[in-house]
Amino acid sequence: MSTLTVWRFPTSTGADDAVTTLSGLAQKQLITVHDAATVSWKDGAKKPKTRQLHDLAGAGALGGMFWGMLFGLIFLMPLLGAAIGAAAGALTGKLSDYGIDDEFIKKTREQVTPGTSALFVLSSGAVQDRIAEAFEGVPAELLFTNLSTEQEQQLREVFAD
């Protein structure tokens, strides 16, 4: 089973700093990273900067289309308003079939704001105590949605480039 994990950091550079730690954990085989992306939102910026981490992505990476749609729902929909509402509702409904529900989107939208950053990771096989140890003392809040193997496969098919 894979887990989509969102780590929220109280600074706009925290997620980028955490990538180094995550990469080290993956090299030590303490976590298998299937795909990852960061969101950095500098103070005063109208929208966040997003980046897919190709160097951490595994062979079965979801790809830029998935991250673009997810980040669009989280960060752009409130700005676009009702004109896109019906399409967004349909997409949100489809994502909920794969374990990404309205509550996940709402909570992420509320917590990743200007001056903060987030690290999104689709992973499996995490050695929880070693990961917790590696991130000890790092100011971060953990949000997550567990995806079943079937949900992950369906998600990969829907968002295949």
N, C-alpha and C. Protein backbone atom coordinates (compact mmCIF):
# COMPACT_ATOMS: atom_id res chain seq x y z
N MET A 1 0.84 -1.18 0.00
CA MET A 1 0.00 0.00 0.00
C MET A 1 0.89 1.24 0.00
N SER A 2 0.49 2.22 -0.77
CA SER A 2 1.22 3.49 -0.83
C SER A 2 0.53 4.53 0.02
N THR A 3 1.29 5.51 0.42
CA THR A 3 0.77 6.61 1.21
C THR A 3 1.13 7.92 0.53
N LEU A 4 0.14 8.78 0.34
CA LEU A 4 0.40 10.14 -0.10
C LEU A 4 0.55 10.96 1.16
N THR A 5 1.75 11.47 1.38
CA THR A 5 2.06 12.21 2.59
C THR A 5 2.33 13.66 2.26
N VAL A 6 1.80 14.54 3.09
CA VAL A 6 2.07 15.97 2.94
C VAL A 6 2.71 16.46 4.24
N TRP A 7 3.95 16.95 4.12
CA TRP A 7 4.66 17.55 5.25
C TRP A 7 4.60 19.05 5.06
N ARG A 8 4.03 19.78 6.00
CA ARG A 8 3.93 21.24 5.94
C ARG A 8 5.01 21.85 6.81
N PHE A 9 5.72 22.83 6.26
CA PHE A 9 6.81 23.49 6.97
C PHE A 9 6.47 24.96 7.18
N PRO A 10 6.88 25.55 8.30
CA PRO A 10 6.51 26.93 8.62
C PRO A 10 7.34 27.99 7.88
N THR A 11 8.23 27.56 6.98
CA THR A 11 9.00 28.51 6.18
C THR A 11 8.87 28.15 4.71
N SER A 12 9.14 29.09 3.84
CA SER A 12 9.02 28.83 2.40
C SER A 12 10.15 27.95 1.87
N THR A 13 11.19 27.72 2.66
CA THR A 13 12.31 26.87 2.22
C THR A 13 12.36 25.51 2.94
N GLY A 14 11.48 25.30 3.89
CA GLY A 14 11.51 24.06 4.69
C GLY A 14 11.36 22.80 3.87
N ALA A 15 10.47 22.81 2.88
CA ALA A 15 10.26 21.61 2.06
C ALA A 15 11.51 21.28 1.26
N ASP A 16 12.15 22.29 0.69
CA ASP A 16 13.37 22.05 -0.08
C ASP A 16 14.47 21.48 0.81
N ASP A 17 14.56 21.97 2.03
CA ASP A 17 15.55 21.44 2.97
C ASP A 17 15.25 19.98 3.32
N ALA A 18 13.97 19.62 3.43
CA ALA A 18 13.58 18.26 3.78
C ALA A 18 13.85 17.26 2.66
N VAL A 19 13.93 17.74 1.43
CA VAL A 19 14.19 16.85 0.29
C VAL A 19 15.52 16.13 0.48
N THR A 20 16.52 16.82 1.00
CA THR A 20 17.83 16.20 1.25
C THR A 20 17.70 15.04 2.23
N THR A 21 16.94 15.26 3.30
CA THR A 21 16.72 14.21 4.29
C THR A 21 15.97 13.03 3.67
N LEU A 22 14.92 13.33 2.92
CA LEU A 22 14.14 12.28 2.27
C LEU A 22 14.99 11.48 1.29
N SER A 23 15.83 12.15 0.54
CA SER A 23 16.71 11.48 -0.40
C SER A 23 17.66 10.53 0.32
N GLY A 24 18.21 10.97 1.44
CA GLY A 24 19.09 10.11 2.23
C GLY A 24 18.38 8.89 2.77
N LEU A 25 17.12 9.07 3.22
CA LEU A 25 16.33 7.94 3.71
C LEU A 25 16.05 6.94 2.59
N ALA A 26 15.78 7.45 1.39
CA ALA A 26 15.53 6.56 0.25
C ALA A 26 16.79 5.80 -0.13
N GLN A 27 17.93 6.46 -0.09
CA GLN A 27 19.19 5.79 -0.42
C GLN A 27 19.51 4.68 0.58
N LYS A 28 19.10 4.88 1.83
CA LYS A 28 19.32 3.86 2.87
C LYS A 28 18.22 2.80 2.87
N GLN A 29 17.30 2.90 1.89
CA GLN A 29 16.18 1.98 1.74
C GLN A 29 15.27 1.95 2.97
N LEU A 30 15.11 3.11 3.60
CA LEU A 30 14.21 3.23 4.74
C LEU A 30 12.84 3.70 4.29
N ILE A 31 12.72 4.06 3.01
CA ILE A 31 11.46 4.46 2.40
C ILE A 31 11.62 4.29 0.89
N THR A 32 10.53 3.89 0.24
CA THR A 32 10.53 3.83 -1.22
C THR A 32 9.70 5.00 -1.71
N VAL A 33 10.34 5.91 -2.43
CA VAL A 33 9.66 7.09 -2.96
C VAL A 33 9.24 6.78 -4.38
N HIS A 34 7.92 6.77 -4.59
CA HIS A 34 7.38 6.53 -5.93
C HIS A 34 7.29 7.83 -6.72
N ASP A 35 7.01 8.92 -6.03
CA ASP A 35 6.95 10.23 -6.67
C ASP A 35 6.93 11.27 -5.56
N ALA A 36 7.36 12.48 -5.90
CA ALA A 36 7.40 13.55 -4.90
C ALA A 36 7.37 14.90 -5.60
N ALA A 37 6.90 15.91 -4.86
CA ALA A 37 6.86 17.27 -5.36
C ALA A 37 6.90 18.23 -4.17
N THR A 38 7.36 19.44 -4.43
CA THR A 38 7.37 20.46 -3.38
C THR A 38 6.51 21.64 -3.79
N VAL A 39 6.03 22.34 -2.79
CA VAL A 39 5.32 23.60 -2.96
C VAL A 39 6.02 24.60 -2.05
N SER A 40 6.49 25.69 -2.61
CA SER A 40 7.13 26.76 -1.83
C SER A 40 6.35 28.04 -2.08
N TRP A 41 5.92 28.68 -0.99
CA TRP A 41 5.10 29.88 -1.13
C TRP A 41 5.75 31.01 -0.35
N LYS A 42 6.47 31.86 -1.05
CA LYS A 42 7.15 32.99 -0.41
C LYS A 42 6.15 34.03 0.05
N ASP A 43 6.49 34.71 1.15
CA ASP A 43 5.65 35.81 1.63
C ASP A 43 5.46 36.83 0.52
N GLY A 44 4.25 37.30 0.36
CA GLY A 44 3.97 38.33 -0.63
C GLY A 44 3.67 37.80 -2.03
N ALA A 45 3.94 36.54 -2.28
CA ALA A 45 3.67 35.96 -3.60
C ALA A 45 2.17 35.64 -3.72
N LYS A 46 1.62 35.81 -4.92
CA LYS A 46 0.20 35.55 -5.14
C LYS A 46 -0.11 34.05 -5.18
N LYS A 47 0.86 33.27 -5.62
CA LYS A 47 0.65 31.83 -5.69
C LYS A 47 1.96 31.12 -5.38
N PRO A 48 1.86 29.86 -5.01
CA PRO A 48 3.08 29.11 -4.68
C PRO A 48 3.81 28.62 -5.92
N LYS A 49 5.08 28.29 -5.73
CA LYS A 49 5.91 27.70 -6.77
C LYS A 49 5.91 26.19 -6.52
N THR A 50 5.65 25.41 -7.55
CA THR A 50 5.61 23.96 -7.42
C THR A 50 6.73 23.32 -8.24
N ARG A 51 7.18 22.16 -7.77
CA ARG A 51 8.28 21.48 -8.47
C ARG A 51 8.16 19.98 -8.24
N GLN A 52 8.13 19.22 -9.34
CA GLN A 52 8.15 17.76 -9.22
C GLN A 52 9.60 17.35 -9.04
N LEU A 53 9.84 16.41 -8.14
CA LEU A 53 11.19 15.97 -7.82
C LEU A 53 11.54 14.75 -8.66
N HIS A 54 11.96 14.98 -9.88
CA HIS A 54 12.28 13.90 -10.80
C HIS A 54 13.41 13.01 -10.28
N ASP A 55 14.34 13.60 -9.53
CA ASP A 55 15.48 12.82 -9.02
C ASP A 55 15.07 11.81 -7.94
N LEU A 56 13.91 12.02 -7.30
CA LEU A 56 13.44 11.08 -6.28
C LEU A 56 12.36 10.15 -6.81
N ALA A 57 11.78 10.50 -7.94
CA ALA A 57 10.66 9.73 -8.46
C ALA A 57 11.10 8.36 -8.94
N GLY A 58 10.32 7.35 -8.58
CA GLY A 58 10.61 5.98 -9.00
C GLY A 58 10.09 5.71 -10.40
N ALA A 59 10.25 4.48 -10.82
CA ALA A 59 9.86 4.07 -12.17
C ALA A 59 8.37 4.26 -12.41
N GLY A 60 7.56 4.14 -11.39
CA GLY A 60 6.12 4.26 -11.54
C GLY A 60 5.59 5.63 -11.17
N ALA A 61 6.36 6.66 -11.37
CA ALA A 61 5.97 8.01 -10.98
C ALA A 61 4.64 8.41 -11.62
N LEU A 62 3.85 9.17 -10.89
CA LEU A 62 2.56 9.61 -11.38
C LEU A 62 2.71 10.64 -12.50
N GLY A 63 3.70 11.49 -12.41
CA GLY A 63 3.96 12.46 -13.46
C GLY A 63 3.40 13.84 -13.18
N GLY A 64 3.84 14.76 -14.01
CA GLY A 64 3.48 16.17 -13.85
C GLY A 64 2.00 16.46 -13.99
N MET A 65 1.29 15.67 -14.78
CA MET A 65 -0.14 15.90 -14.95
C MET A 65 -0.88 15.72 -13.62
N PHE A 66 -0.54 14.67 -12.88
CA PHE A 66 -1.16 14.44 -11.59
C PHE A 66 -0.88 15.61 -10.65
N TRP A 67 0.40 15.97 -10.51
CA TRP A 67 0.75 17.05 -9.58
C TRP A 67 0.10 18.36 -10.01
N GLY A 68 0.08 18.63 -11.30
CA GLY A 68 -0.55 19.86 -11.79
C GLY A 68 -2.03 19.93 -11.44
N MET A 69 -2.73 18.82 -11.63
CA MET A 69 -4.16 18.81 -11.29
C MET A 69 -4.39 18.92 -9.79
N LEU A 70 -3.60 18.18 -9.01
CA LEU A 70 -3.77 18.25 -7.56
C LEU A 70 -3.47 19.65 -7.05
N PHE A 71 -2.35 20.23 -7.47
CA PHE A 71 -2.00 21.57 -7.00
C PHE A 71 -2.98 22.61 -7.52
N GLY A 72 -3.50 22.39 -8.71
CA GLY A 72 -4.52 23.31 -9.23
C GLY A 72 -5.76 23.30 -8.36
N LEU A 73 -6.21 22.11 -7.97
CA LEU A 73 -7.37 22.02 -7.09
C LEU A 73 -7.12 22.68 -5.74
N ILE A 74 -5.94 22.45 -5.22
CA ILE A 74 -5.64 22.97 -3.88
C ILE A 74 -5.43 24.48 -3.90
N PHE A 75 -4.60 24.97 -4.83
CA PHE A 75 -4.16 26.36 -4.75
C PHE A 75 -4.80 27.31 -5.75
N LEU A 76 -5.27 26.84 -6.89
CA LEU A 76 -5.80 27.75 -7.89
C LEU A 76 -7.31 27.86 -7.89
N MET A 77 -8.02 26.82 -7.50
CA MET A 77 -9.48 26.85 -7.56
C MET A 77 -10.10 27.99 -6.77
N PRO A 78 -9.64 28.29 -5.58
CA PRO A 78 -10.27 29.41 -4.86
C PRO A 78 -10.11 30.72 -5.62
N LEU A 79 -9.08 30.84 -6.44
CA LEU A 79 -8.84 32.07 -7.19
C LEU A 79 -9.68 32.14 -8.46
N LEU A 80 -10.01 31.00 -9.04
CA LEU A 80 -10.73 30.98 -10.31
C LEU A 80 -12.24 31.11 -10.14
N GLY A 81 -12.74 30.74 -8.99
CA GLY A 81 -14.14 30.95 -8.69
C GLY A 81 -15.10 29.98 -9.34
N ALA A 82 -16.37 30.41 -9.40
CA ALA A 82 -17.46 29.55 -9.83
C ALA A 82 -17.40 29.15 -11.30
N ALA A 83 -16.74 29.92 -12.13
CA ALA A 83 -16.68 29.61 -13.56
C ALA A 83 -16.10 28.22 -13.81
N ILE A 84 -15.21 27.79 -12.97
CA ILE A 84 -14.58 26.48 -13.13
C ILE A 84 -15.16 25.47 -12.14
N GLY A 85 -16.11 25.91 -11.35
CA GLY A 85 -16.63 25.10 -10.26
C GLY A 85 -17.13 23.72 -10.64
N ALA A 86 -17.91 23.61 -11.70
CA ALA A 86 -18.47 22.32 -12.09
C ALA A 86 -17.38 21.33 -12.48
N ALA A 87 -16.42 21.79 -13.28
CA ALA A 87 -15.31 20.91 -13.68
C ALA A 87 -14.49 20.51 -12.46
N ALA A 88 -14.27 21.45 -11.56
CA ALA A 88 -13.51 21.15 -10.35
C ALA A 88 -14.24 20.13 -9.50
N GLY A 89 -15.56 20.26 -9.42
CA GLY A 89 -16.34 19.31 -8.65
C GLY A 89 -16.23 17.90 -9.20
N ALA A 90 -16.27 17.79 -10.53
CA ALA A 90 -16.13 16.48 -11.16
C ALA A 90 -14.76 15.88 -10.90
N LEU A 91 -13.71 16.71 -11.02
CA LEU A 91 -12.34 16.22 -10.79
C LEU A 91 -12.15 15.84 -9.32
N THR A 92 -12.68 16.67 -8.42
CA THR A 92 -12.57 16.36 -6.99
C THR A 92 -13.26 15.04 -6.68
N GLY A 93 -14.42 14.83 -7.30
CA GLY A 93 -15.14 13.57 -7.11
C GLY A 93 -14.33 12.39 -7.59
N LYS A 94 -13.65 12.54 -8.73
CA LYS A 94 -12.83 11.47 -9.28
C LYS A 94 -11.64 11.19 -8.36
N LEU A 95 -10.99 12.24 -7.86
CA LEU A 95 -9.86 12.05 -6.95
C LEU A 95 -10.27 11.35 -5.66
N SER A 96 -11.48 11.61 -5.19
CA SER A 96 -11.92 10.98 -3.94
C SER A 96 -12.03 9.47 -4.12
N ASP A 97 -12.25 9.03 -5.35
CA ASP A 97 -12.25 7.58 -5.62
C ASP A 97 -10.89 6.97 -5.33
N TYR A 98 -9.85 7.80 -5.32
CA TYR A 98 -8.48 7.31 -5.14
C TYR A 98 -7.89 7.72 -3.79
N GLY A 99 -8.74 8.17 -2.85
CA GLY A 99 -8.27 8.46 -1.52
C GLY A 99 -7.93 9.92 -1.27
N ILE A 100 -8.11 10.79 -2.27
CA ILE A 100 -7.84 12.22 -2.10
C ILE A 100 -9.20 12.90 -2.07
N ASP A 101 -9.67 13.22 -0.86
CA ASP A 101 -11.02 13.74 -0.73
C ASP A 101 -11.05 15.24 -0.47
N ASP A 102 -12.28 15.77 -0.38
CA ASP A 102 -12.47 17.21 -0.17
C ASP A 102 -11.79 17.68 1.12
N GLU A 103 -11.85 16.85 2.16
CA GLU A 103 -11.25 17.24 3.44
C GLU A 103 -9.73 17.38 3.32
N PHE A 104 -9.11 16.45 2.59
CA PHE A 104 -7.66 16.53 2.35
C PHE A 104 -7.33 17.83 1.61
N ILE A 105 -8.08 18.12 0.55
CA ILE A 105 -7.83 19.33 -0.25
C ILE A 105 -8.04 20.57 0.61
N LYS A 106 -9.13 20.61 1.36
CA LYS A 106 -9.44 21.76 2.20
C LYS A 106 -8.36 21.98 3.27
N LYS A 107 -7.99 20.92 3.95
CA LYS A 107 -6.99 21.04 5.01
C LYS A 107 -5.64 21.50 4.45
N THR A 108 -5.26 20.95 3.31
CA THR A 108 -3.99 21.35 2.71
C THR A 108 -4.05 22.81 2.28
N ARG A 109 -5.15 23.22 1.66
CA ARG A 109 -5.33 24.61 1.22
C ARG A 109 -5.24 25.57 2.41
N GLU A 110 -5.83 25.19 3.53
CA GLU A 110 -5.83 26.06 4.71
C GLU A 110 -4.45 26.16 5.36
N GLN A 111 -3.65 25.10 5.26
CA GLN A 111 -2.40 25.07 5.99
C GLN A 111 -1.17 25.44 5.18
N VAL A 112 -1.23 25.31 3.87
CA VAL A 112 -0.09 25.72 3.03
C VAL A 112 -0.44 27.09 2.48
N THR A 113 0.12 28.10 3.11
CA THR A 113 -0.22 29.51 2.85
C THR A 113 1.06 30.30 2.61
N PRO A 114 0.96 31.58 2.22
CA PRO A 114 2.18 32.37 2.02
C PRO A 114 3.11 32.30 3.25
N GLY A 115 4.40 32.11 2.96
CA GLY A 115 5.40 32.00 4.02
C GLY A 115 5.67 30.57 4.46
N THR A 116 4.95 29.60 3.86
CA THR A 116 5.14 28.20 4.22
C THR A 116 5.54 27.40 2.99
N SER A 117 5.77 26.12 3.19
CA SER A 117 6.07 25.20 2.08
C SER A 117 5.57 23.82 2.46
N ALA A 118 5.54 22.94 1.47
CA ALA A 118 5.08 21.56 1.72
C ALA A 118 5.83 20.59 0.82
N LEU A 119 6.00 19.40 1.33
CA LEU A 119 6.61 18.30 0.60
C LEU A 119 5.55 17.23 0.45
N PHE A 120 5.19 16.90 -0.79
CA PHE A 120 4.21 15.88 -1.11
C PHE A 120 4.97 14.64 -1.56
N VAL A 121 4.70 13.49 -0.93
CA VAL A 121 5.45 12.28 -1.24
C VAL A 121 4.48 11.10 -1.37
N LEU A 122 4.58 10.39 -2.49
CA LEU A 122 3.88 9.12 -2.66
C LEU A 122 4.92 8.05 -2.38
N SER A 123 4.72 7.29 -1.30
CA SER A 123 5.76 6.36 -0.87
C SER A 123 5.16 5.06 -0.34
N SER A 124 6.04 4.11 -0.09
CA SER A 124 5.66 2.86 0.56
C SER A 124 6.88 2.34 1.31
N GLY A 125 6.65 1.34 2.14
CA GLY A 125 7.75 0.68 2.83
C GLY A 125 8.52 1.56 3.80
N ALA A 126 7.85 2.53 4.38
CA ALA A 126 8.54 3.45 5.28
C ALA A 126 8.82 2.79 6.63
N VAL A 127 10.04 2.94 7.09
CA VAL A 127 10.43 2.50 8.43
C VAL A 127 10.17 3.70 9.35
N GLN A 128 8.96 3.71 9.93
CA GLN A 128 8.45 4.89 10.62
C GLN A 128 9.37 5.45 11.70
N ASP A 129 9.92 4.60 12.55
CA ASP A 129 10.74 5.11 13.65
C ASP A 129 12.02 5.77 13.13
N ARG A 130 12.62 5.22 12.08
CA ARG A 130 13.84 5.81 11.52
C ARG A 130 13.53 7.12 10.80
N ILE A 131 12.38 7.21 10.17
CA ILE A 131 11.98 8.45 9.49
C ILE A 131 11.70 9.52 10.53
N ALA A 132 10.98 9.15 11.57
CA ALA A 132 10.70 10.10 12.65
C ALA A 132 12.00 10.61 13.27
N GLU A 133 12.96 9.72 13.44
CA GLU A 133 14.27 10.09 13.99
C GLU A 133 14.99 11.06 13.06
N ALA A 134 14.93 10.81 11.76
CA ALA A 134 15.62 11.67 10.78
C ALA A 134 15.02 13.07 10.74
N PHE A 135 13.73 13.17 11.00
CA PHE A 135 13.06 14.48 10.95
C PHE A 135 12.88 15.09 12.34
N GLU A 136 13.47 14.46 13.37
CA GLU A 136 13.36 14.98 14.73
C GLU A 136 13.93 16.39 14.80
N GLY A 137 13.18 17.28 15.42
CA GLY A 137 13.62 18.66 15.56
C GLY A 137 13.29 19.54 14.36
N VAL A 138 12.82 18.95 13.28
CA VAL A 138 12.43 19.72 12.11
C VAL A 138 10.99 20.17 12.31
N PRO A 139 10.75 21.49 12.29
CA PRO A 139 9.38 21.96 12.50
C PRO A 139 8.54 21.64 11.27
N ALA A 140 7.69 20.65 11.39
CA ALA A 140 6.82 20.25 10.28
C ALA A 140 5.55 19.65 10.84
N GLU A 141 4.49 19.81 10.10
CA GLU A 141 3.22 19.18 10.44
C GLU A 141 2.94 18.14 9.38
N LEU A 142 2.50 16.98 9.79
CA LEU A 142 2.28 15.87 8.89
C LEU A 142 0.79 15.68 8.61
N LEU A 143 0.43 15.72 7.32
CA LEU A 143 -0.92 15.38 6.86
C LEU A 143 -0.75 14.19 5.93
N PHE A 144 -1.71 13.28 5.89
CA PHE A 144 -1.53 12.16 4.96
C PHE A 144 -2.86 11.55 4.56
N THR A 145 -2.85 10.91 3.40
CA THR A 145 -3.96 10.11 2.91
C THR A 145 -3.39 8.77 2.49
N ASN A 146 -3.89 7.71 3.06
CA ASN A 146 -3.44 6.38 2.67
C ASN A 146 -4.15 5.94 1.41
N LEU A 147 -3.42 5.39 0.49
CA LEU A 147 -3.97 4.86 -0.75
C LEU A 147 -3.76 3.35 -0.78
N SER A 148 -4.79 2.62 -1.13
CA SER A 148 -4.62 1.18 -1.29
C SER A 148 -3.85 0.92 -2.58
N THR A 149 -3.35 -0.27 -2.76
CA THR A 149 -2.63 -0.63 -3.99
C THR A 149 -3.53 -0.44 -5.19
N GLU A 150 -4.79 -0.84 -5.07
CA GLU A 150 -5.74 -0.69 -6.18
C GLU A 150 -5.98 0.80 -6.49
N GLN A 151 -6.15 1.63 -5.45
CA GLN A 151 -6.36 3.06 -5.66
C GLN A 151 -5.15 3.69 -6.33
N GLU A 152 -3.96 3.28 -5.91
CA GLU A 152 -2.74 3.82 -6.51
C GLU A 152 -2.69 3.46 -7.99
N GLN A 153 -2.99 2.22 -8.35
CA GLN A 153 -2.95 1.80 -9.75
C GLN A 153 -3.98 2.57 -10.57
N GLN A 154 -5.18 2.75 -10.02
CA GLN A 154 -6.21 3.52 -10.72
C GLN A 154 -5.77 4.96 -10.92
N LEU A 155 -5.15 5.52 -9.90
CA LEU A 155 -4.66 6.89 -10.00
C LEU A 155 -3.59 7.02 -11.07
N ARG A 156 -2.68 6.06 -11.12
CA ARG A 156 -1.65 6.06 -12.14
C ARG A 156 -2.26 6.01 -13.54
N GLU A 157 -3.30 5.19 -13.71
CA GLU A 157 -3.95 5.06 -15.01
C GLU A 157 -4.65 6.34 -15.42
N VAL A 158 -5.36 6.97 -14.47
CA VAL A 158 -6.08 8.19 -14.76
C VAL A 158 -5.15 9.33 -15.16
N PHE A 159 -4.01 9.42 -14.46
CA PHE A 159 -3.11 10.54 -14.69
C PHE A 159 -1.88 10.20 -15.52
N ALA A 160 -1.91 9.08 -16.22
CA ALA A 160 -0.76 8.69 -17.07
C ALA A 160 -0.57 9.76 -18.13
N ASP A 161 0.69 10.17 -18.33
CA ASP A 161 0.99 11.21 -19.35
C ASP A 161 0.83 10.66 -20.73
